[in-house]
Amino acid sequence: VNLNSMLHEKWFEVTSKEKTTQLFKTLNSKFGTVKEYKLIDWQVKSIVGTNGGVYFSLKYTTQRTIKDTTDTFTLFKPSGSDTFYVLGYNAYADITEE
């Protein structure tokens, strides 16, 4: 999957394609590749008007080869569209357990 094709233009207003690629390379080198993941929480919010559409927040526990993470994705489906875009991503790892 080409992650850049799933990212919304608003993502690239904040983070360049080069930095996005580096982000995921760094994530994999520090915490390892994904072995397994499980959805643990989700939220949906619908907005009418300018920038209208449906916003989703999906939170996963992710088992990785080096260190497990909690990953949260913010997705957006614009009004009148069938396409979902990634607006945000956060990876959390408890580094105090080392």
N, C-alpha and C. Protein backbone atom coordinates (compact mmCIF):
# COMPACT_ATOMS: atom_id res chain seq x y z
N VAL A 1 0.85 -1.19 0.00
CA VAL A 1 0.00 0.00 0.00
C VAL A 1 0.89 1.24 0.00
N ASN A 2 0.60 2.16 -0.89
CA ASN A 2 1.31 3.43 -0.94
C ASN A 2 0.65 4.38 0.05
N LEU A 3 1.26 4.53 1.22
CA LEU A 3 0.67 5.36 2.27
C LEU A 3 0.45 6.78 1.81
N ASN A 4 1.36 7.34 1.03
CA ASN A 4 1.21 8.73 0.58
C ASN A 4 -0.10 8.94 -0.18
N SER A 5 -0.59 7.93 -0.89
CA SER A 5 -1.84 8.07 -1.63
C SER A 5 -3.05 8.12 -0.70
N MET A 6 -2.90 7.65 0.53
CA MET A 6 -3.99 7.64 1.50
C MET A 6 -4.00 8.89 2.38
N LEU A 7 -2.95 9.69 2.31
CA LEU A 7 -2.86 10.87 3.16
C LEU A 7 -3.57 12.04 2.51
N HIS A 8 -4.32 12.77 3.29
CA HIS A 8 -5.08 13.92 2.80
C HIS A 8 -4.13 15.09 2.54
N GLU A 9 -4.52 15.98 1.65
CA GLU A 9 -3.69 17.16 1.34
C GLU A 9 -3.39 17.99 2.59
N LYS A 10 -4.29 17.97 3.57
CA LYS A 10 -4.04 18.71 4.81
C LYS A 10 -2.83 18.13 5.56
N TRP A 11 -2.59 16.82 5.43
CA TRP A 11 -1.42 16.20 6.05
C TRP A 11 -0.16 16.86 5.50
N PHE A 12 -0.12 17.01 4.17
CA PHE A 12 1.08 17.53 3.53
C PHE A 12 1.24 19.04 3.69
N GLU A 13 0.21 19.73 4.19
CA GLU A 13 0.36 21.14 4.54
C GLU A 13 1.25 21.28 5.77
N VAL A 14 1.34 20.21 6.55
CA VAL A 14 2.12 20.22 7.79
C VAL A 14 3.41 19.41 7.67
N THR A 15 3.34 18.28 6.96
CA THR A 15 4.47 17.35 6.88
C THR A 15 4.73 16.98 5.41
N SER A 16 5.96 17.18 4.95
CA SER A 16 6.30 16.87 3.57
C SER A 16 6.29 15.36 3.32
N LYS A 17 6.27 14.97 2.05
CA LYS A 17 6.31 13.54 1.71
C LYS A 17 7.61 12.91 2.19
N GLU A 18 8.71 13.66 2.09
CA GLU A 18 10.01 13.16 2.54
C GLU A 18 10.01 12.91 4.05
N LYS A 19 9.45 13.86 4.82
CA LYS A 19 9.40 13.69 6.28
C LYS A 19 8.45 12.57 6.67
N THR A 20 7.37 12.40 5.89
CA THR A 20 6.43 11.32 6.16
C THR A 20 7.12 9.97 5.98
N THR A 21 7.85 9.82 4.89
CA THR A 21 8.58 8.57 4.64
C THR A 21 9.59 8.32 5.76
N GLN A 22 10.31 9.35 6.16
CA GLN A 22 11.30 9.22 7.23
C GLN A 22 10.63 8.86 8.56
N LEU A 23 9.47 9.43 8.82
CA LEU A 23 8.73 9.12 10.05
C LEU A 23 8.48 7.63 10.17
N PHE A 24 7.96 7.01 9.11
CA PHE A 24 7.64 5.59 9.19
C PHE A 24 8.88 4.70 9.16
N LYS A 25 9.94 5.13 8.50
CA LYS A 25 11.20 4.39 8.56
C LYS A 25 11.76 4.41 9.97
N THR A 26 11.72 5.57 10.62
CA THR A 26 12.22 5.71 11.99
C THR A 26 11.37 4.89 12.95
N LEU A 27 10.06 4.95 12.78
CA LEU A 27 9.15 4.17 13.63
C LEU A 27 9.49 2.69 13.55
N ASN A 28 9.70 2.18 12.34
CA ASN A 28 10.03 0.77 12.17
C ASN A 28 11.41 0.42 12.71
N SER A 29 12.38 1.32 12.60
CA SER A 29 13.71 1.01 13.10
C SER A 29 13.77 1.04 14.63
N LYS A 30 13.00 1.91 15.26
CA LYS A 30 13.02 2.02 16.73
C LYS A 30 12.13 0.99 17.42
N PHE A 31 10.97 0.68 16.82
CA PHE A 31 10.01 -0.21 17.47
C PHE A 31 9.80 -1.53 16.73
N GLY A 32 10.28 -1.63 15.51
CA GLY A 32 10.15 -2.85 14.74
C GLY A 32 8.92 -2.85 13.87
N THR A 33 8.83 -3.86 13.05
CA THR A 33 7.69 -3.97 12.14
C THR A 33 6.48 -4.53 12.89
N VAL A 34 5.32 -4.30 12.34
CA VAL A 34 4.07 -4.73 12.96
C VAL A 34 3.92 -6.24 12.83
N LYS A 35 3.66 -6.89 13.98
CA LYS A 35 3.37 -8.32 13.98
C LYS A 35 1.87 -8.56 14.04
N GLU A 36 1.20 -7.76 14.86
CA GLU A 36 -0.23 -7.95 15.10
C GLU A 36 -0.82 -6.65 15.64
N TYR A 37 -2.10 -6.40 15.40
CA TYR A 37 -2.73 -5.20 15.94
C TYR A 37 -4.19 -5.50 16.27
N LYS A 38 -4.74 -4.71 17.21
CA LYS A 38 -6.12 -4.91 17.65
C LYS A 38 -6.76 -3.54 17.89
N LEU A 39 -7.93 -3.33 17.32
CA LEU A 39 -8.69 -2.11 17.54
C LEU A 39 -9.19 -2.08 18.97
N ILE A 40 -8.86 -1.01 19.72
CA ILE A 40 -9.29 -0.94 21.12
C ILE A 40 -10.25 0.21 21.40
N ASP A 41 -10.35 1.18 20.48
CA ASP A 41 -11.26 2.30 20.68
C ASP A 41 -11.52 2.97 19.33
N TRP A 42 -12.69 3.55 19.18
CA TRP A 42 -13.00 4.30 17.96
C TRP A 42 -14.04 5.35 18.28
N GLN A 43 -14.01 6.42 17.51
CA GLN A 43 -14.97 7.51 17.63
C GLN A 43 -15.31 8.01 16.23
N VAL A 44 -16.55 8.48 16.06
CA VAL A 44 -17.00 9.03 14.78
C VAL A 44 -17.65 10.37 15.05
N LYS A 45 -17.34 11.35 14.19
CA LYS A 45 -17.91 12.69 14.33
C LYS A 45 -18.27 13.19 12.94
N SER A 46 -19.51 13.64 12.78
CA SER A 46 -19.98 14.15 11.50
C SER A 46 -20.05 15.68 11.56
N ILE A 47 -19.51 16.34 10.54
CA ILE A 47 -19.49 17.80 10.47
C ILE A 47 -20.24 18.23 9.20
N VAL A 48 -21.13 19.21 9.34
CA VAL A 48 -21.88 19.75 8.22
C VAL A 48 -21.33 21.13 7.89
N GLY A 49 -21.26 21.47 6.60
CA GLY A 49 -20.82 22.79 6.19
C GLY A 49 -19.42 22.76 5.61
N THR A 50 -18.69 23.87 5.76
CA THR A 50 -17.32 23.97 5.25
C THR A 50 -16.47 22.86 5.85
N ASN A 51 -15.68 22.20 5.00
CA ASN A 51 -14.87 21.05 5.42
C ASN A 51 -15.72 19.94 6.01
N GLY A 52 -16.96 19.85 5.55
CA GLY A 52 -17.88 18.85 6.07
C GLY A 52 -17.51 17.45 5.65
N GLY A 53 -17.93 16.53 6.46
CA GLY A 53 -17.67 15.13 6.21
C GLY A 53 -17.69 14.36 7.51
N VAL A 54 -17.16 13.17 7.49
CA VAL A 54 -17.13 12.33 8.66
C VAL A 54 -15.68 12.12 9.09
N TYR A 55 -15.41 12.35 10.37
CA TYR A 55 -14.09 12.17 10.95
C TYR A 55 -14.12 10.92 11.83
N PHE A 56 -13.11 10.10 11.71
CA PHE A 56 -13.00 8.87 12.48
C PHE A 56 -11.69 8.88 13.25
N SER A 57 -11.72 8.40 14.47
CA SER A 57 -10.51 8.18 15.25
C SER A 57 -10.46 6.70 15.58
N LEU A 58 -9.38 6.03 15.17
CA LEU A 58 -9.20 4.60 15.40
C LEU A 58 -7.94 4.38 16.22
N LYS A 59 -8.09 3.69 17.35
CA LYS A 59 -6.95 3.47 18.26
C LYS A 59 -6.67 1.97 18.35
N TYR A 60 -5.41 1.62 18.14
CA TYR A 60 -4.99 0.21 18.12
C TYR A 60 -3.87 -0.05 19.12
N THR A 61 -3.87 -1.24 19.71
CA THR A 61 -2.66 -1.74 20.37
C THR A 61 -1.93 -2.52 19.28
N THR A 62 -0.64 -2.26 19.16
CA THR A 62 0.14 -2.83 18.07
C THR A 62 1.34 -3.58 18.62
N GLN A 63 1.39 -4.88 18.34
CA GLN A 63 2.56 -5.67 18.70
C GLN A 63 3.58 -5.53 17.59
N ARG A 64 4.79 -5.11 17.99
CA ARG A 64 5.88 -4.92 17.04
C ARG A 64 7.04 -5.83 17.42
N THR A 65 7.97 -5.97 16.51
CA THR A 65 9.09 -6.90 16.74
C THR A 65 10.06 -6.41 17.82
N ILE A 66 10.11 -5.11 18.12
CA ILE A 66 11.03 -4.59 19.13
C ILE A 66 10.28 -4.08 20.37
N LYS A 67 9.31 -3.20 20.18
CA LYS A 67 8.58 -2.57 21.28
C LYS A 67 7.15 -2.32 20.83
N ASP A 68 6.18 -2.70 21.66
CA ASP A 68 4.77 -2.49 21.32
C ASP A 68 4.41 -1.01 21.38
N THR A 69 3.43 -0.62 20.56
CA THR A 69 2.97 0.77 20.52
C THR A 69 1.45 0.81 20.58
N THR A 70 0.94 1.98 20.89
CA THR A 70 -0.47 2.30 20.75
C THR A 70 -0.55 3.30 19.62
N ASP A 71 -1.27 2.95 18.57
CA ASP A 71 -1.32 3.77 17.36
C ASP A 71 -2.72 4.33 17.18
N THR A 72 -2.81 5.63 16.91
CA THR A 72 -4.09 6.30 16.68
C THR A 72 -4.08 6.95 15.31
N PHE A 73 -5.09 6.63 14.53
CA PHE A 73 -5.25 7.21 13.19
C PHE A 73 -6.48 8.12 13.20
N THR A 74 -6.37 9.28 12.57
CA THR A 74 -7.51 10.15 12.34
C THR A 74 -7.80 10.11 10.85
N LEU A 75 -9.00 9.64 10.51
CA LEU A 75 -9.40 9.51 9.12
C LEU A 75 -10.50 10.52 8.80
N PHE A 76 -10.60 10.89 7.53
CA PHE A 76 -11.61 11.85 7.08
C PHE A 76 -12.23 11.35 5.79
N LYS A 77 -13.56 11.39 5.74
CA LYS A 77 -14.30 11.07 4.52
C LYS A 77 -15.11 12.32 4.18
N PRO A 78 -14.66 13.08 3.15
CA PRO A 78 -15.37 14.31 2.78
C PRO A 78 -16.82 14.04 2.38
N SER A 79 -17.69 15.01 2.62
CA SER A 79 -19.08 14.90 2.21
C SER A 79 -19.15 14.64 0.70
N GLY A 80 -19.99 13.70 0.30
CA GLY A 80 -20.18 13.39 -1.11
C GLY A 80 -19.09 12.54 -1.73
N SER A 81 -18.17 12.03 -0.92
CA SER A 81 -17.06 11.22 -1.42
C SER A 81 -17.13 9.82 -0.84
N ASP A 82 -16.59 8.85 -1.56
CA ASP A 82 -16.48 7.49 -1.06
C ASP A 82 -15.07 7.18 -0.58
N THR A 83 -14.19 8.18 -0.62
CA THR A 83 -12.78 7.98 -0.30
C THR A 83 -12.47 8.45 1.12
N PHE A 84 -11.69 7.63 1.83
CA PHE A 84 -11.22 7.98 3.17
C PHE A 84 -9.77 8.44 3.05
N TYR A 85 -9.41 9.45 3.84
CA TYR A 85 -8.04 9.95 3.87
C TYR A 85 -7.52 9.97 5.30
N VAL A 86 -6.22 9.75 5.44
CA VAL A 86 -5.58 9.86 6.75
C VAL A 86 -5.23 11.32 6.98
N LEU A 87 -5.75 11.89 8.06
CA LEU A 87 -5.42 13.27 8.43
C LEU A 87 -4.34 13.31 9.51
N GLY A 88 -4.31 12.29 10.37
CA GLY A 88 -3.35 12.31 11.47
C GLY A 88 -2.96 10.92 11.90
N TYR A 89 -1.80 10.85 12.53
CA TYR A 89 -1.28 9.58 13.03
C TYR A 89 -0.43 9.85 14.26
N ASN A 90 -0.59 9.00 15.28
CA ASN A 90 0.21 9.12 16.49
C ASN A 90 0.60 7.72 16.94
N ALA A 91 1.88 7.55 17.26
CA ALA A 91 2.35 6.28 17.82
C ALA A 91 2.90 6.57 19.21
N TYR A 92 2.45 5.80 20.19
CA TYR A 92 2.90 5.97 21.57
C TYR A 92 3.53 4.67 22.04
N ALA A 93 4.69 4.79 22.69
CA ALA A 93 5.33 3.64 23.31
C ALA A 93 5.77 4.05 24.71
N ASP A 94 5.52 3.21 25.69
CA ASP A 94 5.95 3.50 27.06
C ASP A 94 7.43 3.13 27.20
N ILE A 95 8.29 4.12 27.10
CA ILE A 95 9.72 3.86 27.17
C ILE A 95 10.24 3.77 28.59
N THR A 96 9.38 3.99 29.60
CA THR A 96 9.80 3.86 30.99
C THR A 96 9.89 2.40 31.42
N GLU A 97 9.37 1.49 30.61
CA GLU A 97 9.39 0.06 30.94
C GLU A 97 10.68 -0.63 30.54
N GLU A 98 11.64 0.10 30.04
CA GLU A 98 12.88 -0.53 29.57
C GLU A 98 13.85 -0.78 30.69
